[in-house]
C-alpha atoms as a PDB file:
ATOM      1  CA  PRO A   1       0.000   0.000   0.000  1.00  0.00           C
ATOM      2  CA  LEU A   2       2.777   2.464   0.788  1.00  0.00           C
ATOM      3  CA  GLY A   3       4.403   1.733  -2.547  1.00  0.00           C
ATOM      4  CA  ILE A   4       1.140   2.388  -4.389  1.00  0.00           C
ATOM      5  CA  LEU A   5       0.746   5.704  -2.580  1.00  0.00           C
ATOM      6  CA  ALA A   6       4.329   6.634  -3.441  1.00  0.00           C
ATOM      7  CA  VAL A   7       3.776   5.921  -7.148  1.00  0.00           C
ATOM      8  CA  ALA A   8       0.506   7.899  -7.156  1.00  0.00           C
ATOM      9  CA  GLY A   9       2.205  10.799  -5.389  1.00  0.00           C
ATOM     10  CA  ALA A  10       5.150  10.734  -7.808  1.00  0.00           C
ATOM     11  CA  VAL A  11       2.843  10.869 -10.829  1.00  0.00           C
ATOM     12  CA  ARG A  12       0.968  13.813  -9.358  1.00  0.00           C
ATOM     13  CA  VAL A  13       3.784  15.841  -7.809  1.00  0.00           C
ATOM     14  CA  LEU A  14       7.132  15.145  -9.482  1.00  0.00           C
ATOM     15  CA  PRO A  15       7.961  16.973 -12.722  1.00  0.00           C
ATOM     16  CA  GLU A  16       8.425  14.909 -15.868  1.00  0.00           C
ATOM     17  CA  SER A  17      11.642  15.186 -17.889  1.00  0.00           C
ATOM     18  CA  LYS A  18      10.865  15.521 -21.579  1.00  0.00           C
ATOM     19  CA  GLY A  19      13.705  17.739 -22.705  1.00  0.00           C
ATOM     20  CA  ILE A  20      16.923  16.901 -24.481  1.00  0.00           C
ATOM     21  CA  GLY A  21      18.903  14.293 -22.580  1.00  0.00           C
ATOM     22  CA  ALA A  22      15.883  12.942 -20.708  1.00  0.00           C
ATOM     23  CA  THR A  23      16.005   9.193 -20.138  1.00  0.00           C
ATOM     24  CA  ARG A  24      13.277   6.592 -20.577  1.00  0.00           C
ATOM     25  CA  LEU A  25      12.724   3.959 -17.921  1.00  0.00           C
ATOM     26  CA  ASP A  26      13.819   0.486 -18.940  1.00  0.00           C
ATOM     27  CA  TRP A  27      10.704  -1.424 -17.859  1.00  0.00           C
ATOM     28  CA  ARG A  28      11.853  -4.757 -19.285  1.00  0.00           C
ATOM     29  CA  GLY A  29      15.163  -4.493 -17.501  1.00  0.00           C
ATOM     30  CA  ALA A  30      13.388  -3.641 -14.231  1.00  0.00           C
ATOM     31  CA  VAL A  31      11.160  -6.709 -14.571  1.00  0.00           C
ATOM     32  CA  LEU A  32      14.107  -8.967 -15.366  1.00  0.00           C
ATOM     33  CA  VAL A  33      16.227  -7.864 -12.400  1.00  0.00           C
ATOM     34  CA  ALA A  34      13.242  -8.042 -10.030  1.00  0.00           C
ATOM     35  CA  LEU A  35      12.476 -11.555 -11.274  1.00  0.00           C
ATOM     36  CA  ALA A  36      16.095 -12.616 -10.762  1.00  0.00           C
ATOM     37  CA  ALA A  37      16.051 -11.303  -7.194  1.00  0.00           C
ATOM     38  CA  GLY A  38      12.767 -13.057  -6.411  1.00  0.00           C
ATOM     39  CA  LEU A  39      13.959 -16.365  -7.836  1.00  0.00           C
ATOM     40  CA  LEU A  40      16.999 -16.189  -5.550  1.00  0.00           C
ATOM     41  CA  VAL A  41      15.515 -14.900  -2.290  1.00  0.00           C
ATOM     42  CA  TYR A  42      12.274 -16.934  -2.179  1.00  0.00           C
ATOM     43  CA  PRO A  43      13.897 -20.408  -2.156  1.00  0.00           C
ATOM     44  CA  LEU A  44      16.491 -19.220   0.367  1.00  0.00           C
ATOM     45  CA  ILE A  45      13.674 -18.222   2.729  1.00  0.00           C
ATOM     46  CA  GLN A  46      11.426 -21.240   2.122  1.00  0.00           C
ATOM     47  CA  GLY A  47      14.080 -23.866   1.435  1.00  0.00           C
ATOM     48  CA  ARG A  48      14.516 -25.105   5.018  1.00  0.00           C
ATOM     49  CA  GLU A  49      10.797 -25.572   5.593  1.00  0.00           C
ATOM     50  CA  ALA A  50      10.487 -27.325   2.235  1.00  0.00           C
ATOM     51  CA  GLY A  51      13.336 -29.709   3.092  1.00  0.00           C
ATOM     52  CA  TRP A  52      15.425 -28.181   0.305  1.00  0.00           C
ATOM     53  CA  ALA A  53      13.278 -29.782  -2.349  1.00  0.00           C
ATOM     54  CA  PRO A  54      14.608 -29.851  -5.939  1.00  0.00           C
ATOM     55  CA  TRP A  55      12.456 -26.845  -6.904  1.00  0.00           C
ATOM     56  CA  THR A  56      14.405 -24.618  -4.503  1.00  0.00           C
ATOM     57  CA  PHE A  57      17.686 -25.326  -6.290  1.00  0.00           C
ATOM     58  CA  ALA A  58      15.984 -25.029  -9.679  1.00  0.00           C
ATOM     59  CA  MET A  59      14.711 -21.561  -8.772  1.00  0.00           C
ATOM     60  CA  MET A  60      18.142 -20.416  -7.598  1.00  0.00           C
ATOM     61  CA  ALA A  61      19.734 -21.709 -10.806  1.00  0.00           C
ATOM     62  CA  ALA A  62      17.037 -19.952 -12.840  1.00  0.00           C
ATOM     63  CA  SER A  63      17.863 -16.732 -10.994  1.00  0.00           C
ATOM     64  CA  PHE A  64      21.370 -16.673 -12.467  1.00  0.00           C
ATOM     65  CA  VAL A  65      19.998 -17.472 -15.930  1.00  0.00           C
ATOM     66  CA  VAL A  66      17.606 -14.514 -15.703  1.00  0.00           C
ATOM     67  CA  LEU A  67      20.405 -12.313 -14.352  1.00  0.00           C
ATOM     68  CA  GLY A  68      22.564 -13.264 -17.338  1.00  0.00           C
ATOM     69  CA  THR A  69      19.663 -12.410 -19.642  1.00  0.00           C
ATOM     70  CA  PHE A  70      19.349  -9.049 -17.907  1.00  0.00           C
ATOM     71  CA  ALA A  71      23.057  -8.322 -18.443  1.00  0.00           C
ATOM     72  CA  TRP A  72      22.774  -9.228 -22.141  1.00  0.00           C
ATOM     73  CA  TYR A  73      19.698  -7.049 -22.520  1.00  0.00           C
ATOM     74  CA  GLN A  74      21.422  -4.070 -20.894  1.00  0.00           C
ATOM     75  CA  ARG A  75      24.388  -4.316 -23.264  1.00  0.00           C
ATOM     76  CA  ARG A  76      22.038  -4.590 -26.231  1.00  0.00           C
ATOM     77  CA  ARG A  77      20.137  -1.438 -25.192  1.00  0.00           C
ATOM     78  CA  GLU A  78      23.402   0.483 -24.942  1.00  0.00           C
ATOM     79  CA  GLN A  79      24.534  -0.784 -28.359  1.00  0.00           C
ATOM     80  CA  THR A  80      21.292   0.381 -29.946  1.00  0.00           C
ATOM     81  CA  GLY A  81      21.489   3.815 -28.322  1.00  0.00           C
ATOM     82  CA  ARG A  82      18.684   3.293 -25.812  1.00  0.00           C
ATOM     83  CA  ASP A  83      18.893   4.067 -22.092  1.00  0.00           C
ATOM     84  CA  PRO A  84      19.757   0.986 -19.980  1.00  0.00           C
ATOM     85  CA  LEU A  85      18.533   0.480 -16.456  1.00  0.00           C
ATOM     86  CA  ILE A  86      22.170   0.090 -15.363  1.00  0.00           C
ATOM     87  CA  THR A  87      25.233   1.562 -17.067  1.00  0.00           C
ATOM     88  CA  THR A  88      27.240  -1.573 -17.869  1.00  0.00           C
ATOM     89  CA  SER A  89      30.595   0.234 -17.916  1.00  0.00           C
ATOM     90  CA  LEU A  90      30.384   0.319 -14.122  1.00  0.00           C
ATOM     91  CA  PHE A  91      31.221  -3.362 -13.909  1.00  0.00           C
ATOM     92  CA  ALA A  92      34.492  -2.913 -15.774  1.00  0.00           C
ATOM     93  CA  LYS A  93      35.830  -0.963 -12.784  1.00  0.00           C
ATOM     94  CA  ARG A  94      37.474  -3.248 -10.238  1.00  0.00           C
ATOM     95  CA  ALA A  95      37.027  -0.833  -7.356  1.00  0.00           C
ATOM     96  CA  PHE A  96      33.291  -0.542  -8.004  1.00  0.00           C
ATOM     97  CA  THR A  97      32.713  -4.287  -8.294  1.00  0.00           C
ATOM     98  CA  SER A  98      34.777  -4.770  -5.133  1.00  0.00           C
ATOM     99  CA  GLY A  99      32.513  -2.234  -3.445  1.00  0.00           C
ATOM    100  CA  LEU A 100      29.493  -4.266  -4.502  1.00  0.00           C
ATOM    101  CA  GLY A 101      31.058  -7.269  -2.807  1.00  0.00           C
ATOM    102  CA  VAL A 102      31.677  -5.285   0.366  1.00  0.00           C
ATOM    103  CA  THR A 103      28.040  -4.119   0.306  1.00  0.00           C
ATOM    104  CA  VAL A 104      26.677  -7.652  -0.021  1.00  0.00           C
ATOM    105  CA  LEU A 105      28.905  -9.066   2.721  1.00  0.00           C
ATOM    106  CA  PHE A 106      28.453  -6.173   5.140  1.00  0.00           C
ATOM    107  CA  PHE A 107      24.711  -5.591   4.916  1.00  0.00           C
ATOM    108  CA  GLY A 108      23.920  -9.290   4.580  1.00  0.00           C
ATOM    109  CA  ALA A 109      25.926 -10.161   7.687  1.00  0.00           C
ATOM    110  CA  PHE A 110      24.665  -7.330   9.876  1.00  0.00           C
ATOM    111  CA  THR A 111      20.986  -7.614   8.915  1.00  0.00           C
ATOM    112  CA  GLY A 112      21.057 -11.381   9.398  1.00  0.00           C
ATOM    113  CA  LEU A 113      22.732 -10.961  12.776  1.00  0.00           C
ATOM    114  CA  MET A 114      20.066  -8.489  13.916  1.00  0.00           C
ATOM    115  CA  LEU A 115      17.342 -10.972  12.973  1.00  0.00           C
ATOM    116  CA  ALA A 116      19.025 -13.900  14.729  1.00  0.00           C
ATOM    117  CA  THR A 117      19.675 -11.855  17.874  1.00  0.00           C
ATOM    118  CA  THR A 118      16.042 -10.755  17.988  1.00  0.00           C
ATOM    119  CA  LEU A 119      14.825 -14.339  17.535  1.00  0.00           C
ATOM    120  CA  PHE A 120      17.184 -15.530  20.252  1.00  0.00           C
ATOM    121  CA  MET A 121      15.817 -12.949  22.673  1.00  0.00           C
ATOM    122  CA  GLN A 122      12.144 -13.495  21.898  1.00  0.00           C
ATOM    123  CA  LEU A 123      11.949 -17.224  21.177  1.00  0.00           C
ATOM    124  CA  GLY A 124      14.849 -18.383  23.326  1.00  0.00           C
ATOM    125  CA  LEU A 125      14.903 -16.038  26.307  1.00  0.00           C
ATOM    126  CA  GLY A 126      11.181 -15.313  26.230  1.00  0.00           C
ATOM    127  CA  PHE A 127      11.578 -11.533  25.941  1.00  0.00           C
ATOM    128  CA  SER A 128       8.577  -9.538  24.772  1.00  0.00           C
ATOM    129  CA  ALA A 129       8.902  -7.592  21.520  1.00  0.00           C
ATOM    130  CA  ILE A 130       9.387  -4.364  23.489  1.00  0.00           C
ATOM    131  CA  HIS A 131      11.988  -5.963  25.785  1.00  0.00           C
ATOM    132  CA  ALA A 132      13.906  -7.346  22.815  1.00  0.00           C
ATOM    133  CA  GLY A 133      13.750  -4.010  21.006  1.00  0.00           C
ATOM    134  CA  LEU A 134      15.061  -2.122  24.028  1.00  0.00           C
ATOM    135  CA  SER A 135      17.802  -4.740  24.462  1.00  0.00           C
ATOM    136  CA  LEU A 136      18.996  -3.956  20.935  1.00  0.00           C
ATOM    137  CA  GLY A 137      19.077  -0.246  21.757  1.00  0.00           C
ATOM    138  CA  PRO A 138      22.844  -0.238  22.408  1.00  0.00           C
ATOM    139  CA  ILE A 139      23.428  -1.224  18.777  1.00  0.00           C
ATOM    140  CA  CYS A 140      21.450   1.805  17.592  1.00  0.00           C
ATOM    141  CA  LEU A 141      23.254   4.084  20.030  1.00  0.00           C
ATOM    142  CA  GLY A 142      26.634   2.757  18.919  1.00  0.00           C
ATOM    143  CA  MET A 143      25.706   3.235  15.255  1.00  0.00           C
ATOM    144  CA  ALA A 144      24.685   6.850  15.855  1.00  0.00           C
ATOM    145  CA  ILE A 145      27.936   7.633  17.654  1.00  0.00           C
ATOM    146  CA  GLY A 146      30.110   5.803  15.129  1.00  0.00           C
ATOM    147  CA  ALA A 147      28.405   7.343  12.098  1.00  0.00           C
ATOM    148  CA  GLY A 148      28.649  10.842  13.558  1.00  0.00           C
ATOM    149  CA  LEU A 149      32.349  10.513  14.282  1.00  0.00           C
ATOM    150  CA  SER A 150      33.115   8.777  11.006  1.00  0.00           C
ATOM    151  CA  GLY A 151      31.405  11.159   8.610  1.00  0.00           C
ATOM    152  CA  ALA A 152      32.245  14.458  10.263  1.00  0.00           C
ATOM    153  CA  LEU A 153      35.644  13.879  11.813  1.00  0.00           C
ATOM    154  CA  LEU A 154      37.503  10.665  11.077  1.00  0.00           C
ATOM    155  CA  THR A 155      36.989   9.936   7.378  1.00  0.00           C
ATOM    156  CA  PRO A 156      38.218  13.334   6.093  1.00  0.00           C
ATOM    157  CA  ARG A 157      41.399  12.807   8.082  1.00  0.00           C
ATOM    158  CA  PHE A 158      42.116   9.086   7.826  1.00  0.00           C
ATOM    159  CA  GLY A 159      40.327   8.069   4.620  1.00  0.00           C
ATOM    160  CA  ARG A 160      39.823   4.374   3.925  1.00  0.00           C
ATOM    161  CA  HIS A 161      41.421   3.384   7.236  1.00  0.00           C
ATOM    162  CA  VAL A 162      38.142   4.324   8.919  1.00  0.00           C
ATOM    163  CA  LEU A 163      36.377   1.547   7.010  1.00  0.00           C
ATOM    164  CA  HIS A 164      38.860  -1.028   8.212  1.00  0.00           C
ATOM    165  CA  ALA A 165      38.652   0.303  11.759  1.00  0.00           C
ATOM    166  CA  GLY A 166      34.877  -0.029  11.607  1.00  0.00           C
ATOM    167  CA  PHE A 167      35.036  -3.624  10.427  1.00  0.00           C
ATOM    168  CA  ALA A 168      37.645  -4.438  13.087  1.00  0.00           C
ATOM    169  CA  VAL A 169      35.496  -2.952  15.861  1.00  0.00           C
ATOM    170  CA  LEU A 170      32.457  -4.829  14.547  1.00  0.00           C
ATOM    171  CA  ILE A 171      34.381  -8.101  14.610  1.00  0.00           C
ATOM    172  CA  LEU A 172      35.564  -7.348  18.137  1.00  0.00           C
ATOM    173  CA  GLY A 173      31.986  -6.614  19.231  1.00  0.00           C
ATOM    174  CA  VAL A 174      30.734  -9.840  17.639  1.00  0.00           C
ATOM    175  CA  ALA A 175      33.505 -11.790  19.411  1.00  0.00           C
ATOM    176  CA  ALA A 176      32.571 -10.170  22.735  1.00  0.00           C
ATOM    177  CA  THR A 177      28.908 -11.047  22.176  1.00  0.00           C
ATOM    178  CA  TYR A 178      29.887 -14.645  21.453  1.00  0.00           C
ATOM    179  CA  ALA A 179      31.940 -14.781  24.655  1.00  0.00           C
ATOM    180  CA  VAL A 180      29.050 -13.493  26.770  1.00  0.00           C
ATOM    181  CA  ILE A 181      26.535 -15.871  25.168  1.00  0.00           C
ATOM    182  CA  ASP A 182      28.904 -18.811  25.508  1.00  0.00           C
ATOM    183  CA  ALA A 183      29.553 -18.065  29.195  1.00  0.00           C
ATOM    184  CA  GLN A 184      26.004 -17.212  30.283  1.00  0.00           C
ATOM    185  CA  GLY A 185      23.899 -19.344  27.959  1.00  0.00           C
ATOM    186  CA  MET A 186      20.161 -19.035  28.448  1.00  0.00           C
ATOM    187  CA  ALA A 187      20.739 -17.087  31.677  1.00  0.00           C
ATOM    188  CA  VAL A 188      22.168 -14.095  29.794  1.00  0.00           C
ATOM    189  CA  THR A 189      20.607 -10.694  30.521  1.00  0.00           C
ATOM    190  CA  SER A 190      20.122  -7.539  28.493  1.00  0.00           C
ATOM    191  CA  TRP A 191      22.662  -5.702  30.655  1.00  0.00           C
ATOM    192  CA  GLN A 192      25.325  -8.341  30.006  1.00  0.00           C
ATOM    193  CA  LEU A 193      24.823  -7.955  26.252  1.00  0.00           C
ATOM    194  CA  ALA A 194      24.691  -4.155  26.301  1.00  0.00           C
ATOM    195  CA  GLY A 195      28.452  -3.572  26.115  1.00  0.00           C
ATOM    196  CA  PRO A 196      29.203  -5.989  23.259  1.00  0.00           C
ATOM    197  CA  LEU A 197      26.176  -4.790  21.293  1.00  0.00           C
ATOM    198  CA  LEU A 198      27.204  -1.161  21.784  1.00  0.00           C
ATOM    199  CA  LEU A 199      30.677  -2.004  20.486  1.00  0.00           C
ATOM    200  CA  SER A 200      29.227  -3.831  17.472  1.00  0.00           C
ATOM    201  CA  GLY A 201      26.955  -0.910  16.649  1.00  0.00           C
ATOM    202  CA  PHE A 202      29.849   1.530  16.935  1.00  0.00           C
ATOM    203  CA  GLY A 203      31.823  -0.495  14.403  1.00  0.00           C
ATOM    204  CA  VAL A 204      28.852  -0.614  12.032  1.00  0.00           C
ATOM    205  CA  GLY A 205      28.431   3.157  12.298  1.00  0.00           C
ATOM    206  CA  LEU A 206      32.085   3.808  11.538  1.00  0.00           C
ATOM    207  CA  ALA A 207      31.914   1.694   8.377  1.00  0.00           C
ATOM    208  CA  VAL A 208      28.432   2.379   7.037  1.00  0.00           C
ATOM    209  CA  ALA A 209      28.521   6.193   7.084  1.00  0.00           C
ATOM    210  CA  PRO A 210      31.289   6.652   4.462  1.00  0.00           C
ATOM    211  CA  LEU A 211      30.986   3.292   2.642  1.00  0.00           C
ATOM    212  CA  PHE A 212      29.010   4.428  -0.404  1.00  0.00           C
ATOM    213  CA  GLY A 213      31.226   7.504  -0.709  1.00  0.00           C
ATOM    214  CA  PHE A 214      34.291   5.302  -1.166  1.00  0.00           C
ATOM    215  CA  ILE A 215      32.527   3.077  -3.694  1.00  0.00           C
ATOM    216  CA  LEU A 216      31.209   6.010  -5.743  1.00  0.00           C
ATOM    217  CA  ALA A 217      34.689   7.536  -5.824  1.00  0.00           C
ATOM    218  CA  ALA A 218      35.562   4.758  -8.272  1.00  0.00           C
ATOM    219  CA  VAL A 219      33.092   5.867 -10.977  1.00  0.00           C
ATOM    220  CA  ALA A 220      32.951   8.766 -13.427  1.00  0.00           C
ATOM    221  CA  ASP A 221      30.615  11.710 -12.906  1.00  0.00           C
ATOM    222  CA  GLU A 222      28.203  10.563 -15.622  1.00  0.00           C
ATOM    223  CA  GLU A 223      27.964   7.123 -13.975  1.00  0.00           C
ATOM    224  CA  VAL A 224      27.145   8.299 -10.457  1.00  0.00           C
ATOM    225  CA  GLY A 225      23.359   8.160 -10.886  1.00  0.00           C
ATOM    226  CA  SER A 226      23.346   4.594 -12.148  1.00  0.00           C
ATOM    227  CA  ALA A 227      25.959   3.535  -9.577  1.00  0.00           C
ATOM    228  CA  SER A 228      23.920   5.000  -6.719  1.00  0.00           C
ATOM    229  CA  GLY A 229      20.839   3.126  -7.881  1.00  0.00           C
ATOM    230  CA  VAL A 230      22.768  -0.143  -8.056  1.00  0.00           C
ATOM    231  CA  LEU A 231      24.172   0.336  -4.557  1.00  0.00           C
ATOM    232  CA  ASN A 232      20.820   1.145  -2.974  1.00  0.00           C
ATOM    233  CA  ALA A 233      19.090  -1.777  -4.663  1.00  0.00           C
ATOM    234  CA  LEU A 234      21.930  -4.141  -3.777  1.00  0.00           C
ATOM    235  CA  GLN A 235      21.828  -3.020  -0.148  1.00  0.00           C
ATOM    236  CA  GLN A 236      18.194  -4.113   0.097  1.00  0.00           C
ATOM    237  CA  LEU A 237      18.845  -7.371  -1.740  1.00  0.00           C
ATOM    238  CA  ALA A 238      21.854  -8.143   0.453  1.00  0.00           C
ATOM    239  CA  SER A 239      19.751  -7.547   3.567  1.00  0.00           C
ATOM    240  CA  ALA A 240      17.087  -9.933   2.285  1.00  0.00           C
ATOM    241  CA  ILE A 241      19.681 -12.576   1.471  1.00  0.00           C
ATOM    242  CA  GLY A 242      21.304 -12.094   4.887  1.00  0.00           C
ATOM    243  CA  VAL A 243      17.959 -12.610   6.612  1.00  0.00           C
ATOM    244  CA  ALA A 244      17.328 -15.744   4.558  1.00  0.00           C
ATOM    245  CA  VAL A 245      20.777 -17.315   4.906  1.00  0.00           C
ATOM    246  CA  LEU A 246      21.607 -16.434   8.517  1.00  0.00           C
ATOM    247  CA  GLY A 247      18.018 -17.122   9.542  1.00  0.00           C
ATOM    248  CA  THR A 248      18.368 -20.585   8.032  1.00  0.00           C
ATOM    249  CA  VAL A 249      21.653 -21.102   9.912  1.00  0.00           C
ATOM    250  CA  PHE A 250      19.978 -20.045  13.173  1.00  0.00           C
ATOM    251  CA  PHE A 251      16.966 -22.323  12.818  1.00  0.00           C
ATOM    252  CA  ALA A 252      19.110 -25.257  11.662  1.00  0.00           C
ATOM    253  CA  ALA A 253      20.372 -25.553  15.258  1.00  0.00           C
ATOM    254  CA  LEU A 254      16.849 -26.006  16.652  1.00  0.00           C
ATOM    255  CA  PRO A 255      15.457 -27.672  18.617  1.00  0.00           C
ATOM    256  CA  SER A 256      18.683 -29.387  19.645  1.00  0.00           C
ATOM    257  CA  PRO A 257      21.106 -28.255  20.983  1.00  0.00           C
ATOM    258  CA  GLY A 258      19.147 -25.027  21.179  1.00  0.00           C
ATOM    259  CA  TYR A 259      19.015 -21.303  20.737  1.00  0.00           C
ATOM    260  CA  VAL A 260      22.473 -20.619  22.147  1.00  0.00           C
ATOM    261  CA  ASP A 261      24.136 -22.786  19.535  1.00  0.00           C
ATOM    262  CA  GLY A 262      22.076 -21.195  16.778  1.00  0.00           C
ATOM    263  CA  LEU A 263      23.103 -17.670  17.730  1.00  0.00           C
ATOM    264  CA  GLU A 264      26.731 -18.700  18.173  1.00  0.00           C
ATOM    265  CA  ARG A 265      26.783 -20.110  14.650  1.00  0.00           C
ATOM    266  CA  VAL A 266      25.382 -16.850  13.295  1.00  0.00           C
ATOM    267  CA  LEU A 267      27.937 -14.832  15.259  1.00  0.00           C
ATOM    268  CA  LEU A 268      30.799 -16.898  13.848  1.00  0.00           C
ATOM    269  CA  LEU A 269      29.451 -16.539  10.315  1.00  0.00           C
ATOM    270  CA  THR A 270      29.002 -12.786  10.805  1.00  0.00           C
ATOM    271  CA  ALA A 271      32.609 -12.456  11.964  1.00  0.00           C
ATOM    272  CA  GLY A 272      33.836 -14.395   8.943  1.00  0.00           C
ATOM    273  CA  LEU A 273      31.798 -12.307   6.493  1.00  0.00           C
ATOM    274  CA  SER A 274      33.041  -9.118   8.162  1.00  0.00           C
ATOM    275  CA  VAL A 275      36.652 -10.244   7.770  1.00  0.00           C
ATOM    276  CA  ALA A 276      36.005 -10.909   4.076  1.00  0.00           C
ATOM    277  CA  ALA A 277      34.418  -7.452   3.679  1.00  0.00           C
ATOM    278  CA  MET A 278      37.379  -5.818   5.425  1.00  0.00           C
ATOM    279  CA  LEU A 279      39.846  -7.505   3.072  1.00  0.00           C
ATOM    280  CA  LEU A 280      37.798  -6.661  -0.016  1.00  0.00           C
ATOM    281  CA  ALA A 281      37.650  -3.020   1.092  1.00  0.00           C
ATOM    282  CA  LEU A 282      41.399  -2.829   0.425  1.00  0.00           C
ATOM    283  CA  LEU A 283      40.486  -2.498  -3.264  1.00  0.00           C
ATOM    284  CA  LEU A 284      38.389   0.628  -2.724  1.00  0.00           C
ATOM    285  CA  PRO A 285      39.718   4.156  -3.374  1.00  0.00           C
ATOM    286  CA  ARG A 286      41.675   5.682  -0.510  1.00  0.00           C
ATOM    287  CA  GLN A 287      39.408   8.727  -0.268  1.00  0.00           C
ATOM    288  CA  PRO A 288      35.610   8.989  -0.643  1.00  0.00           C
ATOM    289  CA  ARG A 289      33.724  11.049  -3.173  1.00  0.00           C
ATOM    290  CA  GLU A 290      33.581  14.492  -1.569  1.00  0.00           C
ATOM    291  CA  GLU A 291      29.908  15.262  -2.210  1.00  0.00           C
ATOM    292  CA  GLU A 292      28.908  11.893  -0.754  1.00  0.00           C
ATOM    293  CA  LEU A 293      30.911  12.561   2.384  1.00  0.00           C
ATOM    294  CA  GLY A 294      29.425  16.003   2.711  1.00  0.00           C
END
């Protein structure tokens, strides 16, 4: 419903570009990429409940076929002088494609971890939704502090090192959370988790605030619009995949040996994905795009 209202409002309020240089929306490309995303995410979410039936793997394989068709169609539109949904020259830039990898790993890991932690608190510890939400408050506080320091103070001075510091702090916070969960088990309290979660959120804030600025620094001015669209769409897709994959890892540990083991598996996987993102970030530009930082 909100999406329908947004479309109706856009048609009524936003001005239409009909002048020289105006672009036409690539509806076929939009349908193809949306179909590819759906074919990938749906079986990841439903696969465990379906016992990983053959259709789940068939859908995931079909997703890559559709994605390949989308890539071919985008190149063909460019060759015929029509506006593509995505500027294909972006993917010839190693720094940009590396940034896409960082985006998938980072947002997939963190979003999946948030889901698993919430499920652990509500289903495992018996917290109410409000109790669980308040228990995750330290993550939000840490993110606000980290993002404020990163964007306004640290990134202009230290450049890409801030990204690596953010990933390192996140990994440290995840390790501290694992240690508390492993020691306390099902007797763990919100106060015992507050410190590690605050540290994790601080690391996320340090990294997330300037991340897109570093990735967009790798593209030309005329490619920024398309690159920004790709990054925003990929962020949402990565979050959905993270929820599906890490959620599956969490539930795979149930009912035996239990919720503690499920969350510990997710924490270990999150740490590993964060390490991979930190290493891949070495291929990003050393300084962010100035207007993105501002």
